[in-house]
Amino acid sequence: MAYKDKLRPWHVYRCRVSGNVCVTRHRTRGDAYAYLSILRMNNPGAVYEVVFDKEPAEVQ
């Protein structure tokens, strides 16, 4: 995982039949949910989900 991705672990995904798409990344959970509410107001027919991207454990 790149350093830039570690700084913003909260992701907002748009869920589609063809596959999920990461829309934005945020530093805090509150920021992610605030942006999620804006997305839902602008596009009520789409399905969005907030996900915490945990760094995978290193294999030894």
Foldseek 3Di string as FASTA:
>chain_A
DDPVCVQFQKWKWWDDPVGIDTDDTHNDPVVVVVVVVVVCVVPVVTDMDIDGHDDDDDDD
